[in-house]
C-alpha atoms as a PDB file:
ATOM      1  CA  MET A   1      16.857 -19.181 -73.866  1.00  0.00           C
ATOM      2  CA  ALA A   2      16.487 -20.798 -70.450  1.00  0.00           C
ATOM      3  CA  PRO A   3      13.884 -23.486 -69.756  1.00  0.00           C
ATOM      4  CA  LYS A   4      10.653 -22.372 -68.097  1.00  0.00           C
ATOM      5  CA  GLY A   5      11.131 -21.492 -64.417  1.00  0.00           C
ATOM      6  CA  LEU A   6      14.858 -20.709 -64.853  1.00  0.00           C
ATOM      7  CA  LYS A   7      16.741 -17.442 -65.372  1.00  0.00           C
ATOM      8  CA  THR A   8      20.225 -17.578 -66.946  1.00  0.00           C
ATOM      9  CA  THR A   9      22.910 -16.158 -64.603  1.00  0.00           C
ATOM     10  CA  SER A  10      26.128 -16.860 -66.542  1.00  0.00           C
ATOM     11  CA  SER A  11      27.679 -17.005 -69.962  1.00  0.00           C
ATOM     12  CA  PRO A  12      28.174 -20.455 -71.508  1.00  0.00           C
ATOM     13  CA  LEU A  13      30.697 -22.560 -69.536  1.00  0.00           C
ATOM     14  CA  GLN A  14      32.835 -25.624 -70.205  1.00  0.00           C
ATOM     15  CA  ILE A  15      33.782 -28.038 -67.439  1.00  0.00           C
ATOM     16  CA  SER A  16      36.314 -30.819 -68.036  1.00  0.00           C
ATOM     17  CA  SER A  17      37.412 -33.737 -65.877  1.00  0.00           C
ATOM     18  CA  LEU A  18      39.316 -37.039 -65.932  1.00  0.00           C
ATOM     19  CA  VAL A  19      38.828 -40.251 -63.979  1.00  0.00           C
ATOM     20  CA  GLU A  20      41.215 -43.217 -63.857  1.00  0.00           C
ATOM     21  CA  GLU A  21      40.478 -46.711 -62.620  1.00  0.00           C
ATOM     22  CA  THR A  22      42.291 -47.499 -59.377  1.00  0.00           C
ATOM     23  CA  GLY A  23      43.071 -50.915 -60.865  1.00  0.00           C
ATOM     24  CA  ALA A  24      42.160 -52.836 -64.003  1.00  0.00           C
ATOM     25  CA  ASN A  25      38.399 -53.488 -64.265  1.00  0.00           C
ATOM     26  CA  THR A  26      37.686 -51.629 -61.010  1.00  0.00           C
ATOM     27  CA  PHE A  27      34.759 -49.199 -60.749  1.00  0.00           C
ATOM     28  CA  SER A  28      36.142 -45.738 -60.021  1.00  0.00           C
ATOM     29  CA  PHE A  29      34.691 -42.250 -59.968  1.00  0.00           C
ATOM     30  CA  VAL A  30      35.682 -38.626 -59.480  1.00  0.00           C
ATOM     31  CA  GLU A  31      33.478 -35.876 -58.091  1.00  0.00           C
ATOM     32  CA  ILE A  32      33.189 -32.770 -60.268  1.00  0.00           C
ATOM     33  CA  PRO A  33      32.405 -29.739 -58.063  1.00  0.00           C
ATOM     34  CA  LEU A  34      30.024 -27.138 -59.494  1.00  0.00           C
ATOM     35  CA  THR A  35      30.096 -24.675 -56.539  1.00  0.00           C
ATOM     36  CA  LEU A  36      26.512 -23.595 -57.120  1.00  0.00           C
ATOM     37  CA  ASN A  37      24.993 -20.848 -54.967  1.00  0.00           C
ATOM     38  CA  VAL A  38      22.237 -22.717 -53.144  1.00  0.00           C
ATOM     39  CA  LEU A  39      21.028 -19.538 -51.414  1.00  0.00           C
ATOM     40  CA  ASP A  40      20.032 -18.188 -54.844  1.00  0.00           C
ATOM     41  CA  ASN A  41      18.571 -21.546 -55.985  1.00  0.00           C
ATOM     42  CA  GLU A  42      21.318 -21.840 -58.595  1.00  0.00           C
ATOM     43  CA  VAL A  43      21.402 -24.846 -60.942  1.00  0.00           C
ATOM     44  CA  PHE A  44      23.646 -25.939 -63.816  1.00  0.00           C
ATOM     45  CA  VAL A  45      21.920 -26.465 -67.163  1.00  0.00           C
ATOM     46  CA  ILE A  46      23.780 -28.936 -69.413  1.00  0.00           C
ATOM     47  CA  THR A  47      23.432 -28.170 -73.115  1.00  0.00           C
ATOM     48  CA  GLN A  48      26.102 -30.444 -74.583  1.00  0.00           C
ATOM     49  CA  LEU A  49      28.204 -33.357 -73.369  1.00  0.00           C
ATOM     50  CA  ASN A  50      31.220 -35.279 -74.605  1.00  0.00           C
ATOM     51  CA  VAL A  51      32.310 -38.446 -72.757  1.00  0.00           C
ATOM     52  CA  ASP A  52      35.519 -39.958 -74.131  1.00  0.00           C
ATOM     53  CA  VAL A  53      36.706 -43.371 -72.935  1.00  0.00           C
ATOM     54  CA  GLU A  54      40.142 -44.898 -73.352  1.00  0.00           C
ATOM     55  CA  ALA A  55      40.359 -47.779 -75.799  1.00  0.00           C
ATOM     56  CA  PRO A  56      40.047 -51.207 -74.157  1.00  0.00           C
ATOM     57  CA  ASP A  57      42.883 -53.690 -74.398  1.00  0.00           C
ATOM     58  CA  LEU A  58      43.196 -55.770 -77.560  1.00  0.00           C
ATOM     59  CA  LEU A  59      43.768 -59.293 -76.265  1.00  0.00           C
ATOM     60  CA  MET A  60      44.380 -62.314 -78.455  1.00  0.00           C
ATOM     61  CA  GLY A  61      44.217 -65.927 -77.470  1.00  0.00           C
ATOM     62  CA  ILE A  62      42.384 -69.053 -78.522  1.00  0.00           C
ATOM     63  CA  GLY A  63      38.675 -68.251 -78.674  1.00  0.00           C
ATOM     64  CA  SER A  64      36.747 -65.034 -78.301  1.00  0.00           C
ATOM     65  CA  VAL A  65      37.797 -62.184 -76.000  1.00  0.00           C
ATOM     66  CA  ARG A  66      35.598 -59.131 -75.286  1.00  0.00           C
ATOM     67  CA  CYS A  67      37.342 -56.163 -73.632  1.00  0.00           C
ATOM     68  CA  ALA A  68      35.440 -52.969 -72.817  1.00  0.00           C
ATOM     69  CA  THR A  69      35.759 -49.544 -71.241  1.00  0.00           C
ATOM     70  CA  ASN A  70      32.522 -47.959 -69.968  1.00  0.00           C
ATOM     71  CA  ALA A  71      31.938 -44.478 -68.550  1.00  0.00           C
ATOM     72  CA  SER A  72      29.086 -42.231 -67.479  1.00  0.00           C
ATOM     73  CA  LEU A  73      28.385 -38.778 -66.080  1.00  0.00           C
ATOM     74  CA  SER A  74      25.849 -38.848 -63.254  1.00  0.00           C
ATOM     75  CA  THR A  75      24.145 -36.282 -61.037  1.00  0.00           C
ATOM     76  CA  THR A  76      24.572 -38.393 -57.900  1.00  0.00           C
ATOM     77  CA  ALA A  77      27.210 -40.863 -56.686  1.00  0.00           C
ATOM     78  CA  ARG A  78      26.868 -44.388 -58.084  1.00  0.00           C
ATOM     79  CA  THR A  79      28.256 -47.831 -57.266  1.00  0.00           C
ATOM     80  CA  SER A  80      28.391 -48.835 -60.940  1.00  0.00           C
ATOM     81  CA  VAL A  81      28.802 -47.020 -64.252  1.00  0.00           C
ATOM     82  CA  GLY A  82      25.159 -47.430 -65.213  1.00  0.00           C
ATOM     83  CA  SER A  83      23.635 -46.312 -68.504  1.00  0.00           C
ATOM     84  CA  ILE A  84      21.254 -43.723 -69.889  1.00  0.00           C
ATOM     85  CA  ALA A  85      18.460 -46.017 -68.701  1.00  0.00           C
ATOM     86  CA  ASP A  86      19.268 -44.807 -65.156  1.00  0.00           C
ATOM     87  CA  SER A  87      17.567 -41.536 -64.207  1.00  0.00           C
ATOM     88  CA  ASN A  88      20.683 -40.079 -62.566  1.00  0.00           C
ATOM     89  CA  VAL A  89      22.920 -40.714 -65.608  1.00  0.00           C
ATOM     90  CA  ILE A  90      23.154 -37.692 -67.916  1.00  0.00           C
ATOM     91  CA  GLY A  91      25.279 -39.379 -70.581  1.00  0.00           C
ATOM     92  CA  ALA A  92      27.356 -42.501 -71.145  1.00  0.00           C
ATOM     93  CA  ALA A  93      29.968 -43.899 -73.509  1.00  0.00           C
ATOM     94  CA  ASN A  94      31.586 -47.254 -74.109  1.00  0.00           C
ATOM     95  CA  ARG A  95      34.197 -48.835 -76.324  1.00  0.00           C
ATOM     96  CA  ILE A  96      34.415 -52.549 -76.966  1.00  0.00           C
ATOM     97  CA  ASN A  97      37.030 -54.691 -78.714  1.00  0.00           C
ATOM     98  CA  ILE A  98      36.004 -58.219 -79.654  1.00  0.00           C
ATOM     99  CA  THR A  99      38.827 -60.489 -80.799  1.00  0.00           C
ATOM    100  CA  GLU A 100      38.382 -63.978 -82.212  1.00  0.00           C
ATOM    101  CA  THR A 101      41.493 -66.151 -82.538  1.00  0.00           C
ATOM    102  CA  ASN A 102      41.416 -69.650 -84.051  1.00  0.00           C
ATOM    103  CA  ALA A 103      43.731 -72.611 -83.466  1.00  0.00           C
ATOM    104  CA  ALA A 104      45.992 -71.493 -86.357  1.00  0.00           C
ATOM    105  CA  ASN A 105      46.577 -68.240 -84.402  1.00  0.00           C
ATOM    106  CA  PHE A 106      44.651 -66.204 -86.987  1.00  0.00           C
ATOM    107  CA  ALA A 107      42.968 -63.273 -85.242  1.00  0.00           C
ATOM    108  CA  THR A 108      40.071 -61.053 -86.238  1.00  0.00           C
ATOM    109  CA  ALA A 109      39.223 -57.936 -84.202  1.00  0.00           C
ATOM    110  CA  VAL A 110      36.155 -55.701 -84.291  1.00  0.00           C
ATOM    111  CA  ALA A 111      35.833 -52.407 -82.385  1.00  0.00           C
ATOM    112  CA  TYR A 112      32.569 -50.751 -81.300  1.00  0.00           C
ATOM    113  CA  ASP A 113      32.152 -47.187 -79.977  1.00  0.00           C
ATOM    114  CA  ARG A 114      29.023 -45.608 -78.532  1.00  0.00           C
ATOM    115  CA  GLU A 115      28.273 -42.283 -76.833  1.00  0.00           C
ATOM    116  CA  ASP A 116      24.800 -41.135 -75.729  1.00  0.00           C
ATOM    117  CA  PRO A 117      23.778 -38.317 -75.907  1.00  0.00           C
ATOM    118  CA  LEU A 118      26.141 -35.727 -77.382  1.00  0.00           C
ATOM    119  CA  PHE A 119      23.821 -32.728 -77.477  1.00  0.00           C
ATOM    120  CA  SER A 120      20.176 -31.945 -76.908  1.00  0.00           C
ATOM    121  CA  ALA A 121      17.627 -32.558 -79.622  1.00  0.00           C
ATOM    122  CA  ILE A 122      16.634 -29.511 -81.661  1.00  0.00           C
ATOM    123  CA  SER A 123      13.249 -29.515 -79.955  1.00  0.00           C
ATOM    124  CA  GLU A 124      14.849 -29.439 -76.473  1.00  0.00           C
ATOM    125  CA  ASP A 125      16.703 -26.659 -74.650  1.00  0.00           C
ATOM    126  CA  TYR A 126      19.002 -28.850 -72.556  1.00  0.00           C
ATOM    127  CA  LEU A 127      20.267 -32.384 -71.817  1.00  0.00           C
ATOM    128  CA  GLY A 128      19.927 -32.169 -68.072  1.00  0.00           C
ATOM    129  CA  ILE A 129      19.791 -29.881 -65.060  1.00  0.00           C
ATOM    130  CA  VAL A 130      22.038 -30.422 -62.032  1.00  0.00           C
ATOM    131  CA  ALA A 131      20.572 -28.917 -58.871  1.00  0.00           C
ATOM    132  CA  THR A 132      23.082 -30.211 -56.326  1.00  0.00           C
ATOM    133  CA  ASN A 133      26.679 -29.035 -56.005  1.00  0.00           C
ATOM    134  CA  ASN A 134      28.406 -31.807 -57.964  1.00  0.00           C
ATOM    135  CA  MET A 135      28.406 -34.329 -60.780  1.00  0.00           C
ATOM    136  CA  PHE A 136      30.250 -37.644 -60.932  1.00  0.00           C
ATOM    137  CA  LEU A 137      32.376 -39.086 -63.728  1.00  0.00           C
ATOM    138  CA  ASN A 138      32.404 -42.903 -63.531  1.00  0.00           C
ATOM    139  CA  VAL A 139      34.555 -45.497 -65.314  1.00  0.00           C
ATOM    140  CA  GLN A 140      34.968 -49.272 -65.319  1.00  0.00           C
ATOM    141  CA  GLY A 141      36.721 -51.628 -67.698  1.00  0.00           C
ATOM    142  CA  SER A 142      35.922 -55.250 -68.422  1.00  0.00           C
ATOM    143  CA  ALA A 143      38.482 -58.012 -69.169  1.00  0.00           C
ATOM    144  CA  ASN A 144      41.339 -55.489 -69.522  1.00  0.00           C
ATOM    145  CA  LEU A 145      44.867 -56.143 -68.283  1.00  0.00           C
ATOM    146  CA  ASN A 146      45.491 -52.406 -67.732  1.00  0.00           C
ATOM    147  CA  ALA A 147      43.582 -49.725 -65.818  1.00  0.00           C
ATOM    148  CA  LYS A 148      41.524 -47.437 -68.070  1.00  0.00           C
ATOM    149  CA  ASN A 149      40.374 -43.827 -67.907  1.00  0.00           C
ATOM    150  CA  ALA A 150      37.602 -41.568 -69.150  1.00  0.00           C
ATOM    151  CA  ARG A 151      37.390 -37.873 -69.862  1.00  0.00           C
ATOM    152  CA  VAL A 152      34.408 -35.547 -70.016  1.00  0.00           C
ATOM    153  CA  ARG A 153      33.670 -32.053 -71.271  1.00  0.00           C
ATOM    154  CA  VAL A 154      30.353 -30.595 -70.182  1.00  0.00           C
ATOM    155  CA  TYR A 155      28.906 -27.489 -71.829  1.00  0.00           C
ATOM    156  CA  GLY A 156      26.223 -25.444 -70.120  1.00  0.00           C
ATOM    157  CA  TYR A 157      25.372 -22.402 -68.058  1.00  0.00           C
ATOM    158  CA  ARG A 158      24.338 -21.415 -64.558  1.00  0.00           C
ATOM    159  CA  ALA A 159      20.743 -20.400 -63.925  1.00  0.00           C
ATOM    160  CA  SER A 160      18.604 -19.524 -60.936  1.00  0.00           C
ATOM    161  CA  ALA A 161      15.338 -21.347 -60.395  1.00  0.00           C
ATOM    162  CA  SER A 162      12.145 -20.268 -58.734  1.00  0.00           C
ATOM    163  CA  ALA A 163      11.763 -21.753 -55.249  1.00  0.00           C
ATOM    164  CA  SER A 164       9.227 -24.376 -56.328  1.00  0.00           C
ATOM    165  CA  VAL A 165      11.220 -25.419 -59.414  1.00  0.00           C
ATOM    166  CA  TYR A 166      14.444 -25.606 -57.367  1.00  0.00           C
ATOM    167  CA  ALA A 167      12.799 -27.746 -54.668  1.00  0.00           C
ATOM    168  CA  ALA A 168      11.387 -30.111 -57.293  1.00  0.00           C
ATOM    169  CA  LEU A 169      14.762 -30.415 -59.086  1.00  0.00           C
ATOM    170  CA  VAL A 170      16.706 -31.115 -55.865  1.00  0.00           C
ATOM    171  CA  GLN A 171      14.156 -33.680 -54.680  1.00  0.00           C
ATOM    172  CA  SER A 172      14.078 -35.414 -58.054  1.00  0.00           C
ATOM    173  CA  GLU A 173      17.881 -35.542 -58.235  1.00  0.00           C
ATOM    174  CA  LEU A 174      18.302 -36.914 -54.709  1.00  0.00           C
ATOM    175  CA  LEU A 175      15.566 -39.523 -55.195  1.00  0.00           C
ATOM    176  CA  SER A 176      17.247 -40.739 -58.405  1.00  0.00           C
ATOM    177  CA  ALA A 177      20.314 -41.923 -56.465  1.00  0.00           C
END
């Protein structure tokens, strides 16, 4: 069932994409085209999201080393990965390796993974609505020796919006940049 003010115009769809850093620890993004029909006020309703980031490097040396790979899917172009605290970020994921090595060259490593959100809450119909013609997959590593990548699979459907709903969605999306 489509959210209020929207009429479903397609079967469920899956969209996948990959982004690779242009160099180690360098913010990079790829544009994911949606080819929405703006004349019919078409939007893309996201119902489920999976953001998968490549494992960060596992570096060992004297002391503590924290390597990370961070990624996000956003509705507008960004200059940083951002987080779900940013209104234009639909979902985000990160992986962190923390390595502690002592003077006797004994190393301990701990890995952390996080992805928010995966799917909409039972009480909600969708994770997000994209009203412009594209989304952006963003990635950036931290303290890695090698460039990292991220992958995304977005589940959703196309819908047409009433004129007032469409105008509000486009304005909200563009102002969130």
